[in-house]
Amino acid sequence: MPDETITFRVWRGDPSGGQEVEYRVPAVTGMVVLDAMHYIQAYLDGDLAVRWNCKAAKCGSCSAEINGFPKLMCKTRIDGLPADAPIHVHPMRSFPVIRDLVTDVSWNYRVNKEIAPFTPAEDDGEPWIMYQEDVQRLYEPRKCIECFLCQNTCHVLRNHDDFAGYYGPRYMVRYQYLAMHPKDILDRREALKQKAGIGYCNITKCCQEVCPEHIHITDNAIIPLKERVADEYYDPIRWAIRKLTGGERKPEESTTGPGIVETPK
């Protein structure tokens, strides 16, 4: 690649406010946006705050908004971006800014604590037997690296700031994993309808589009969960059959309203 520089406009600031700062970074063949941020830290502005860890698209740490689109900085190649315009790098918009490109994503971990963990039946001394097809079905939801790009993109959280009413797509994926696990005994449909707020999702698939692990969040998690909730609460025939046959599982927990997870400020 011939000698040239790339213009980056990086958002710099803190909870009180901020603005874009322009940097010019030497172009290197194959470089990604995170390489440019490291160059800025090393040679232009050592005070730039960037969160990263593995640089291999597996830790989910370097999430940001690049030219307005949520991406992992370590997975976004410069040669895949428009060459005739500056590259804008901003922090995730849905979460509170700590400083520069680093946001406070702790709300997600508080949500995670609200979900009852995997709960098998009491040990009866018999070995667990799982069919291979059951194991394969669990692979996709377990690929999540918790980059929270889907949470950042979700319109309920991003545009409506409804952090108290909806857990977001990442945790719909977790609920689907638990629902598909043949050894989990909890009935989580009430929790999905009430505190997790699955009804708020209007299946636009925006979360699915930004997932770096290509998890089919809407198709393979949210829609099946919506169908389970609809069967439980809106299908009188299925409800009657379950009552007559005793096909009930222990509920995740009793709830009568939205979750109590603190809303980001």
C-alpha atoms as a PDB file:
ATOM      1  CA  MET A   1       0.000   0.000   0.000  1.00  0.00           C
ATOM      2  CA  PRO A   2       1.446   3.390  -0.939  1.00  0.00           C
ATOM      3  CA  ASP A   3       2.232   5.947   1.727  1.00  0.00           C
ATOM      4  CA  GLU A   4      -1.032   7.535   2.755  1.00  0.00           C
ATOM      5  CA  THR A   5      -2.966   8.402   5.860  1.00  0.00           C
ATOM      6  CA  ILE A   6      -6.514   7.734   6.935  1.00  0.00           C
ATOM      7  CA  THR A   7      -8.596  10.331   8.725  1.00  0.00           C
ATOM      8  CA  PHE A   8     -10.393   9.214  11.858  1.00  0.00           C
ATOM      9  CA  ARG A   9     -12.854  11.303  13.793  1.00  0.00           C
ATOM     10  CA  VAL A  10     -13.029   9.771  17.255  1.00  0.00           C
ATOM     11  CA  TRP A  11     -15.501  10.820  19.914  1.00  0.00           C
ATOM     12  CA  ARG A  12     -13.694  12.072  23.007  1.00  0.00           C
ATOM     13  CA  GLY A  13     -15.519  12.918  26.192  1.00  0.00           C
ATOM     14  CA  ASP A  14     -17.084  11.777  29.453  1.00  0.00           C
ATOM     15  CA  PRO A  15     -20.573  11.756  31.045  1.00  0.00           C
ATOM     16  CA  SER A  16     -20.647  15.555  30.986  1.00  0.00           C
ATOM     17  CA  GLY A  17     -20.260  15.696  27.187  1.00  0.00           C
ATOM     18  CA  GLY A  18     -17.712  15.534  24.400  1.00  0.00           C
ATOM     19  CA  GLN A  19     -16.961  15.979  20.719  1.00  0.00           C
ATOM     20  CA  GLU A  20     -15.160  14.400  17.788  1.00  0.00           C
ATOM     21  CA  VAL A  21     -11.381  14.818  17.562  1.00  0.00           C
ATOM     22  CA  GLU A  22      -9.641  14.297  14.228  1.00  0.00           C
ATOM     23  CA  TYR A  23      -6.567  12.090  13.867  1.00  0.00           C
ATOM     24  CA  ARG A  24      -4.576  11.050  10.818  1.00  0.00           C
ATOM     25  CA  VAL A  25      -3.248   7.504  10.961  1.00  0.00           C
ATOM     26  CA  PRO A  26      -0.816   5.872   8.484  1.00  0.00           C
ATOM     27  CA  ALA A  27      -2.517   3.270   6.331  1.00  0.00           C
ATOM     28  CA  VAL A  28      -1.255  -0.301   6.686  1.00  0.00           C
ATOM     29  CA  THR A  29      -2.414  -3.211   4.560  1.00  0.00           C
ATOM     30  CA  GLY A  30      -4.952  -5.329   6.423  1.00  0.00           C
ATOM     31  CA  MET A  31      -5.364  -2.963   9.361  1.00  0.00           C
ATOM     32  CA  VAL A  32      -8.564  -2.881  11.379  1.00  0.00           C
ATOM     33  CA  VAL A  33     -10.113   0.010  13.299  1.00  0.00           C
ATOM     34  CA  LEU A  34      -8.641  -1.233  16.585  1.00  0.00           C
ATOM     35  CA  ASP A  35      -5.147  -1.019  15.035  1.00  0.00           C
ATOM     36  CA  ALA A  36      -5.811   2.639  14.331  1.00  0.00           C
ATOM     37  CA  MET A  37      -6.973   3.250  17.904  1.00  0.00           C
ATOM     38  CA  HIS A  38      -3.773   1.651  19.172  1.00  0.00           C
ATOM     39  CA  TYR A  39      -1.709   3.864  16.865  1.00  0.00           C
ATOM     40  CA  ILE A  40      -3.483   6.937  18.212  1.00  0.00           C
ATOM     41  CA  GLN A  41      -2.791   5.826  21.781  1.00  0.00           C
ATOM     42  CA  ALA A  42       0.873   5.110  21.031  1.00  0.00           C
ATOM     43  CA  TYR A  43       1.807   8.109  18.882  1.00  0.00           C
ATOM     44  CA  LEU A  44      -0.877  10.792  18.864  1.00  0.00           C
ATOM     45  CA  ASP A  45      -2.900  10.791  22.083  1.00  0.00           C
ATOM     46  CA  GLY A  46      -2.005   8.428  24.905  1.00  0.00           C
ATOM     47  CA  ASP A  47      -5.056   9.521  26.876  1.00  0.00           C
ATOM     48  CA  LEU A  48      -7.589   7.919  24.496  1.00  0.00           C
ATOM     49  CA  ALA A  49      -9.722   5.394  26.412  1.00  0.00           C
ATOM     50  CA  VAL A  50     -10.502   2.195  24.497  1.00  0.00           C
ATOM     51  CA  ARG A  51     -11.736  -1.113  25.857  1.00  0.00           C
ATOM     52  CA  TRP A  52     -10.266  -4.220  24.235  1.00  0.00           C
ATOM     53  CA  ASN A  53      -8.778  -7.570  25.162  1.00  0.00           C
ATOM     54  CA  CYS A  54      -8.294 -10.427  22.687  1.00  0.00           C
ATOM     55  CA  LYS A  55      -8.201  -8.650  19.295  1.00  0.00           C
ATOM     56  CA  ALA A  56      -9.634 -11.854  17.856  1.00  0.00           C
ATOM     57  CA  ALA A  57     -13.385 -11.121  17.896  1.00  0.00           C
ATOM     58  CA  LYS A  58     -13.935 -13.514  20.787  1.00  0.00           C
ATOM     59  CA  CYS A  59     -13.966 -11.375  23.945  1.00  0.00           C
ATOM     60  CA  GLY A  60     -16.612  -8.851  22.873  1.00  0.00           C
ATOM     61  CA  SER A  61     -14.764  -5.966  24.538  1.00  0.00           C
ATOM     62  CA  CYS A  62     -14.091  -3.560  21.661  1.00  0.00           C
ATOM     63  CA  SER A  63     -17.674  -2.792  20.650  1.00  0.00           C
ATOM     64  CA  ALA A  64     -18.188   0.674  19.163  1.00  0.00           C
ATOM     65  CA  GLU A  65     -20.149   2.512  16.496  1.00  0.00           C
ATOM     66  CA  ILE A  66     -18.160   2.867  13.289  1.00  0.00           C
ATOM     67  CA  ASN A  67     -19.685   5.262  10.787  1.00  0.00           C
ATOM     68  CA  GLY A  68     -22.873   4.961  12.820  1.00  0.00           C
ATOM     69  CA  PHE A  69     -23.049   1.148  12.638  1.00  0.00           C
ATOM     70  CA  PRO A  70     -22.415  -1.058  15.725  1.00  0.00           C
ATOM     71  CA  LYS A  71     -19.350  -3.216  15.108  1.00  0.00           C
ATOM     72  CA  LEU A  72     -16.354  -4.806  16.795  1.00  0.00           C
ATOM     73  CA  MET A  73     -13.323  -2.597  16.167  1.00  0.00           C
ATOM     74  CA  CYS A  74     -11.050  -5.626  15.935  1.00  0.00           C
ATOM     75  CA  LYS A  75     -13.169  -7.168  13.188  1.00  0.00           C
ATOM     76  CA  THR A  76     -13.761  -4.061  11.072  1.00  0.00           C
ATOM     77  CA  ARG A  77     -11.177  -3.776   8.306  1.00  0.00           C
ATOM     78  CA  ILE A  78     -10.282  -0.335   7.035  1.00  0.00           C
ATOM     79  CA  ASP A  79     -10.359  -1.489   3.421  1.00  0.00           C
ATOM     80  CA  GLY A  80     -13.999  -2.420   3.898  1.00  0.00           C
ATOM     81  CA  LEU A  81     -14.982   1.157   4.722  1.00  0.00           C
ATOM     82  CA  PRO A  82     -15.483   4.079   2.295  1.00  0.00           C
ATOM     83  CA  ALA A  83     -12.052   5.372   1.280  1.00  0.00           C
ATOM     84  CA  ASP A  84     -13.167   8.865   0.327  1.00  0.00           C
ATOM     85  CA  ALA A  85     -14.499   9.999   3.707  1.00  0.00           C
ATOM     86  CA  PRO A  86     -13.295  10.191   7.329  1.00  0.00           C
ATOM     87  CA  ILE A  87     -14.047   7.193   9.551  1.00  0.00           C
ATOM     88  CA  HIS A  88     -16.191   8.134  12.530  1.00  0.00           C
ATOM     89  CA  VAL A  89     -15.701   6.088  15.702  1.00  0.00           C
ATOM     90  CA  HIS A  90     -18.127   6.607  18.584  1.00  0.00           C
ATOM     91  CA  PRO A  91     -19.004   4.718  21.785  1.00  0.00           C
ATOM     92  CA  MET A  92     -22.134   2.552  21.911  1.00  0.00           C
ATOM     93  CA  ARG A  93     -25.062   4.932  22.095  1.00  0.00           C
ATOM     94  CA  SER A  94     -27.407   2.870  24.280  1.00  0.00           C
ATOM     95  CA  PHE A  95     -25.156   2.750  27.337  1.00  0.00           C
ATOM     96  CA  PRO A  96     -23.733   5.494  29.576  1.00  0.00           C
ATOM     97  CA  VAL A  97     -20.311   6.801  28.583  1.00  0.00           C
ATOM     98  CA  ILE A  98     -17.504   6.323  31.072  1.00  0.00           C
ATOM     99  CA  ARG A  99     -14.870   8.005  28.931  1.00  0.00           C
ATOM    100  CA  ASP A 100     -14.195   8.269  25.198  1.00  0.00           C
ATOM    101  CA  LEU A 101     -15.067   4.916  23.594  1.00  0.00           C
ATOM    102  CA  VAL A 102     -15.651   3.083  26.883  1.00  0.00           C
ATOM    103  CA  THR A 103     -19.259   2.636  28.008  1.00  0.00           C
ATOM    104  CA  ASP A 104     -20.812   1.264  31.187  1.00  0.00           C
ATOM    105  CA  VAL A 105     -22.415  -2.065  30.239  1.00  0.00           C
ATOM    106  CA  SER A 106     -22.943  -3.240  33.829  1.00  0.00           C
ATOM    107  CA  TRP A 107     -26.743  -3.116  33.370  1.00  0.00           C
ATOM    108  CA  ASN A 108     -26.438  -6.259  31.257  1.00  0.00           C
ATOM    109  CA  TYR A 109     -24.805  -8.174  34.087  1.00  0.00           C
ATOM    110  CA  ARG A 110     -27.545  -7.099  36.482  1.00  0.00           C
ATOM    111  CA  VAL A 111     -30.093  -8.458  34.010  1.00  0.00           C
ATOM    112  CA  ASN A 112     -28.178 -11.719  33.851  1.00  0.00           C
ATOM    113  CA  LYS A 113     -28.510 -12.112  37.625  1.00  0.00           C
ATOM    114  CA  GLU A 114     -32.296 -11.771  37.308  1.00  0.00           C
ATOM    115  CA  ILE A 115     -32.516 -14.927  35.197  1.00  0.00           C
ATOM    116  CA  ALA A 116     -32.745 -18.183  37.100  1.00  0.00           C
ATOM    117  CA  PRO A 117     -29.732 -20.334  36.169  1.00  0.00           C
ATOM    118  CA  PHE A 118     -29.841 -23.742  34.540  1.00  0.00           C
ATOM    119  CA  THR A 119     -31.899 -25.914  36.895  1.00  0.00           C
ATOM    120  CA  PRO A 120     -31.893 -29.708  36.444  1.00  0.00           C
ATOM    121  CA  ALA A 121     -34.066 -32.182  38.301  1.00  0.00           C
ATOM    122  CA  GLU A 122     -32.828 -33.575  41.581  1.00  0.00           C
ATOM    123  CA  ASP A 123     -30.125 -36.182  41.124  1.00  0.00           C
ATOM    124  CA  ASP A 124     -31.722 -39.642  41.109  1.00  0.00           C
ATOM    125  CA  GLY A 125     -28.462 -41.462  40.588  1.00  0.00           C
ATOM    126  CA  GLU A 126     -29.154 -42.161  36.927  1.00  0.00           C
ATOM    127  CA  PRO A 127     -26.681 -40.925  34.285  1.00  0.00           C
ATOM    128  CA  TRP A 128     -27.751 -38.054  32.060  1.00  0.00           C
ATOM    129  CA  ILE A 129     -28.529 -39.094  28.514  1.00  0.00           C
ATOM    130  CA  MET A 130     -28.708 -36.421  25.791  1.00  0.00           C
ATOM    131  CA  TYR A 131     -29.186 -37.039  22.105  1.00  0.00           C
ATOM    132  CA  GLN A 132     -26.682 -35.524  19.700  1.00  0.00           C
ATOM    133  CA  GLU A 133     -29.361 -33.418  18.045  1.00  0.00           C
ATOM    134  CA  ASP A 134     -30.147 -31.848  21.427  1.00  0.00           C
ATOM    135  CA  VAL A 135     -26.480 -30.991  21.899  1.00  0.00           C
ATOM    136  CA  GLN A 136     -26.228 -29.478  18.422  1.00  0.00           C
ATOM    137  CA  ARG A 137     -29.257 -27.259  19.025  1.00  0.00           C
ATOM    138  CA  LEU A 138     -27.463 -25.708  21.996  1.00  0.00           C
ATOM    139  CA  TYR A 139     -24.339 -24.728  20.055  1.00  0.00           C
ATOM    140  CA  GLU A 140     -25.692 -21.560  18.441  1.00  0.00           C
ATOM    141  CA  PRO A 141     -26.925 -19.709  21.569  1.00  0.00           C
ATOM    142  CA  ARG A 142     -23.723 -20.586  23.399  1.00  0.00           C
ATOM    143  CA  LYS A 143     -21.640 -18.786  20.750  1.00  0.00           C
ATOM    144  CA  CYS A 144     -22.577 -15.388  22.214  1.00  0.00           C
ATOM    145  CA  ILE A 145     -19.446 -13.397  23.203  1.00  0.00           C
ATOM    146  CA  GLU A 146     -21.444 -10.726  25.071  1.00  0.00           C
ATOM    147  CA  CYS A 147     -20.250  -7.825  22.956  1.00  0.00           C
ATOM    148  CA  PHE A 148     -23.705  -6.292  23.584  1.00  0.00           C
ATOM    149  CA  LEU A 149     -23.913  -4.950  20.040  1.00  0.00           C
ATOM    150  CA  CYS A 150     -27.384  -6.479  19.784  1.00  0.00           C
ATOM    151  CA  GLN A 151     -28.394  -4.743  23.008  1.00  0.00           C
ATOM    152  CA  ASN A 152     -27.010  -1.469  21.684  1.00  0.00           C
ATOM    153  CA  THR A 153     -28.960  -1.827  18.437  1.00  0.00           C
ATOM    154  CA  CYS A 154     -32.299  -2.953  19.891  1.00  0.00           C
ATOM    155  CA  HIS A 155     -34.811  -0.147  19.315  1.00  0.00           C
ATOM    156  CA  VAL A 156     -36.505  -0.755  22.686  1.00  0.00           C
ATOM    157  CA  LEU A 157     -33.263   0.056  24.496  1.00  0.00           C
ATOM    158  CA  ARG A 158     -31.660   2.435  21.995  1.00  0.00           C
ATOM    159  CA  ASN A 159     -34.602   4.604  20.961  1.00  0.00           C
ATOM    160  CA  HIS A 160     -37.095   4.194  23.793  1.00  0.00           C
ATOM    161  CA  ASP A 161     -34.680   3.765  26.735  1.00  0.00           C
ATOM    162  CA  ASP A 162     -36.969   1.101  28.188  1.00  0.00           C
ATOM    163  CA  PHE A 163     -34.356  -0.703  30.244  1.00  0.00           C
ATOM    164  CA  ALA A 164     -36.879  -1.442  32.994  1.00  0.00           C
ATOM    165  CA  GLY A 165     -39.327  -3.272  30.713  1.00  0.00           C
ATOM    166  CA  TYR A 166     -37.179  -5.369  28.368  1.00  0.00           C
ATOM    167  CA  TYR A 167     -34.102  -7.505  28.894  1.00  0.00           C
ATOM    168  CA  GLY A 168     -32.918  -7.202  25.305  1.00  0.00           C
ATOM    169  CA  PRO A 169     -31.971  -9.710  22.578  1.00  0.00           C
ATOM    170  CA  ARG A 170     -28.843 -11.039  24.270  1.00  0.00           C
ATOM    171  CA  TYR A 171     -30.948 -12.405  27.116  1.00  0.00           C
ATOM    172  CA  MET A 172     -33.628 -13.722  24.806  1.00  0.00           C
ATOM    173  CA  VAL A 173     -30.809 -15.870  23.417  1.00  0.00           C
ATOM    174  CA  ARG A 174     -30.013 -17.053  26.929  1.00  0.00           C
ATOM    175  CA  TYR A 175     -33.659 -17.830  27.641  1.00  0.00           C
ATOM    176  CA  GLN A 176     -33.857 -19.834  24.422  1.00  0.00           C
ATOM    177  CA  TYR A 177     -30.786 -21.837  25.398  1.00  0.00           C
ATOM    178  CA  LEU A 178     -32.409 -22.719  28.716  1.00  0.00           C
ATOM    179  CA  ALA A 179     -35.751 -23.489  27.057  1.00  0.00           C
ATOM    180  CA  MET A 180     -34.118 -25.888  24.578  1.00  0.00           C
ATOM    181  CA  HIS A 181     -31.998 -27.673  27.174  1.00  0.00           C
ATOM    182  CA  PRO A 182     -33.673 -31.059  27.758  1.00  0.00           C
ATOM    183  CA  LYS A 183     -32.465 -31.194  31.366  1.00  0.00           C
ATOM    184  CA  ASP A 184     -33.722 -27.790  32.505  1.00  0.00           C
ATOM    185  CA  ILE A 185     -36.978 -28.194  34.445  1.00  0.00           C
ATOM    186  CA  LEU A 186     -38.120 -24.580  34.919  1.00  0.00           C
ATOM    187  CA  ASP A 187     -41.043 -23.028  33.086  1.00  0.00           C
ATOM    188  CA  ARG A 188     -39.760 -19.569  32.145  1.00  0.00           C
ATOM    189  CA  ARG A 189     -42.734 -18.356  30.093  1.00  0.00           C
ATOM    190  CA  GLU A 190     -44.205 -16.149  32.821  1.00  0.00           C
ATOM    191  CA  ALA A 191     -40.810 -14.528  33.407  1.00  0.00           C
ATOM    192  CA  LEU A 192     -40.447 -13.959  29.652  1.00  0.00           C
ATOM    193  CA  LYS A 193     -43.862 -12.315  29.418  1.00  0.00           C
ATOM    194  CA  GLN A 194     -43.585 -10.212  32.551  1.00  0.00           C
ATOM    195  CA  LYS A 195     -40.159  -9.110  33.750  1.00  0.00           C
ATOM    196  CA  ALA A 196     -38.209  -9.919  30.548  1.00  0.00           C
ATOM    197  CA  GLY A 197     -40.803  -8.114  28.405  1.00  0.00           C
ATOM    198  CA  ILE A 198     -40.552 -10.242  25.278  1.00  0.00           C
ATOM    199  CA  GLY A 199     -43.715  -8.620  23.932  1.00  0.00           C
ATOM    200  CA  TYR A 200     -41.798  -5.372  23.353  1.00  0.00           C
ATOM    201  CA  CYS A 201     -39.754  -6.911  20.525  1.00  0.00           C
ATOM    202  CA  ASN A 202     -41.309  -6.317  17.103  1.00  0.00           C
ATOM    203  CA  ILE A 203     -38.866  -8.673  15.321  1.00  0.00           C
ATOM    204  CA  THR A 204     -37.162  -6.129  13.067  1.00  0.00           C
ATOM    205  CA  LYS A 205     -34.025  -8.339  13.088  1.00  0.00           C
ATOM    206  CA  CYS A 206     -31.701  -5.373  13.638  1.00  0.00           C
ATOM    207  CA  CYS A 207     -30.039  -7.270  16.507  1.00  0.00           C
ATOM    208  CA  GLN A 208     -29.440 -10.248  14.233  1.00  0.00           C
ATOM    209  CA  GLU A 209     -27.776  -8.074  11.603  1.00  0.00           C
ATOM    210  CA  VAL A 210     -25.037  -6.795  13.939  1.00  0.00           C
ATOM    211  CA  CYS A 211     -24.147 -10.073  15.686  1.00  0.00           C
ATOM    212  CA  PRO A 212     -20.442 -10.841  15.001  1.00  0.00           C
ATOM    213  CA  GLU A 213     -21.064 -14.530  15.725  1.00  0.00           C
ATOM    214  CA  HIS A 214     -23.931 -14.623  13.188  1.00  0.00           C
ATOM    215  CA  ILE A 215     -26.404 -15.950  15.741  1.00  0.00           C
ATOM    216  CA  HIS A 216     -29.926 -15.963  14.301  1.00  0.00           C
ATOM    217  CA  ILE A 217     -31.251 -14.076  17.313  1.00  0.00           C
ATOM    218  CA  THR A 218     -34.689 -13.268  15.948  1.00  0.00           C
ATOM    219  CA  ASP A 219     -35.342 -16.422  13.947  1.00  0.00           C
ATOM    220  CA  ASN A 220     -33.965 -18.993  16.375  1.00  0.00           C
ATOM    221  CA  ALA A 221     -34.498 -17.343  19.761  1.00  0.00           C
ATOM    222  CA  ILE A 222     -37.025 -14.504  19.938  1.00  0.00           C
ATOM    223  CA  ILE A 223     -39.690 -15.896  17.598  1.00  0.00           C
ATOM    224  CA  PRO A 224     -39.714 -19.387  19.206  1.00  0.00           C
ATOM    225  CA  LEU A 225     -39.931 -17.764  22.651  1.00  0.00           C
ATOM    226  CA  LYS A 226     -42.829 -15.570  21.520  1.00  0.00           C
ATOM    227  CA  GLU A 227     -44.592 -18.707  20.270  1.00  0.00           C
ATOM    228  CA  ARG A 228     -44.128 -20.425  23.640  1.00  0.00           C
ATOM    229  CA  VAL A 229     -45.532 -17.432  25.478  1.00  0.00           C
ATOM    230  CA  ALA A 230     -48.475 -17.188  23.048  1.00  0.00           C
ATOM    231  CA  ASP A 231     -49.242 -20.898  23.519  1.00  0.00           C
ATOM    232  CA  GLU A 232     -49.285 -20.472  27.291  1.00  0.00           C
ATOM    233  CA  TYR A 233     -51.304 -17.282  27.592  1.00  0.00           C
ATOM    234  CA  TYR A 234     -53.421 -17.009  24.441  1.00  0.00           C
ATOM    235  CA  ASP A 235     -54.288 -20.552  23.303  1.00  0.00           C
ATOM    236  CA  PRO A 236     -57.182 -21.876  25.448  1.00  0.00           C
ATOM    237  CA  ILE A 237     -57.100 -25.376  23.954  1.00  0.00           C
ATOM    238  CA  ARG A 238     -53.425 -25.946  24.724  1.00  0.00           C
ATOM    239  CA  TRP A 239     -53.920 -24.468  28.199  1.00  0.00           C
ATOM    240  CA  ALA A 240     -56.783 -26.887  28.913  1.00  0.00           C
ATOM    241  CA  ILE A 241     -54.780 -29.881  27.654  1.00  0.00           C
ATOM    242  CA  ARG A 242     -51.850 -29.008  29.896  1.00  0.00           C
ATOM    243  CA  LYS A 243     -54.155 -28.664  32.890  1.00  0.00           C
ATOM    244  CA  LEU A 244     -55.797 -32.025  32.199  1.00  0.00           C
ATOM    245  CA  THR A 245     -52.552 -33.892  31.533  1.00  0.00           C
ATOM    246  CA  GLY A 246     -50.548 -32.249  34.291  1.00  0.00           C
ATOM    247  CA  GLY A 247     -47.909 -31.097  31.838  1.00  0.00           C
ATOM    248  CA  GLU A 248     -46.699 -28.242  33.997  1.00  0.00           C
ATOM    249  CA  ARG A 249     -43.160 -27.317  34.948  1.00  0.00           C
ATOM    250  CA  LYS A 250     -42.030 -25.322  37.948  1.00  0.00           C
ATOM    251  CA  PRO A 251     -42.044 -21.619  37.051  1.00  0.00           C
ATOM    252  CA  GLU A 252     -38.788 -19.681  37.032  1.00  0.00           C
ATOM    253  CA  GLU A 253     -40.216 -17.357  39.650  1.00  0.00           C
ATOM    254  CA  SER A 254     -43.445 -15.518  40.380  1.00  0.00           C
ATOM    255  CA  THR A 255     -43.675 -12.012  38.985  1.00  0.00           C
ATOM    256  CA  THR A 256     -46.487  -9.583  38.316  1.00  0.00           C
ATOM    257  CA  GLY A 257     -44.699  -6.770  36.525  1.00  0.00           C
ATOM    258  CA  PRO A 258     -41.514  -5.594  34.819  1.00  0.00           C
ATOM    259  CA  GLY A 259     -38.124  -6.502  36.201  1.00  0.00           C
ATOM    260  CA  ILE A 260     -36.486  -4.373  38.851  1.00  0.00           C
ATOM    261  CA  VAL A 261     -33.199  -4.005  37.048  1.00  0.00           C
ATOM    262  CA  GLU A 262     -31.847  -0.481  37.427  1.00  0.00           C
ATOM    263  CA  THR A 263     -32.079   1.694  34.338  1.00  0.00           C
ATOM    264  CA  PRO A 264     -28.780   3.113  33.006  1.00  0.00           C
ATOM    265  CA  LYS A 265     -28.383   6.852  33.499  1.00  0.00           C
END
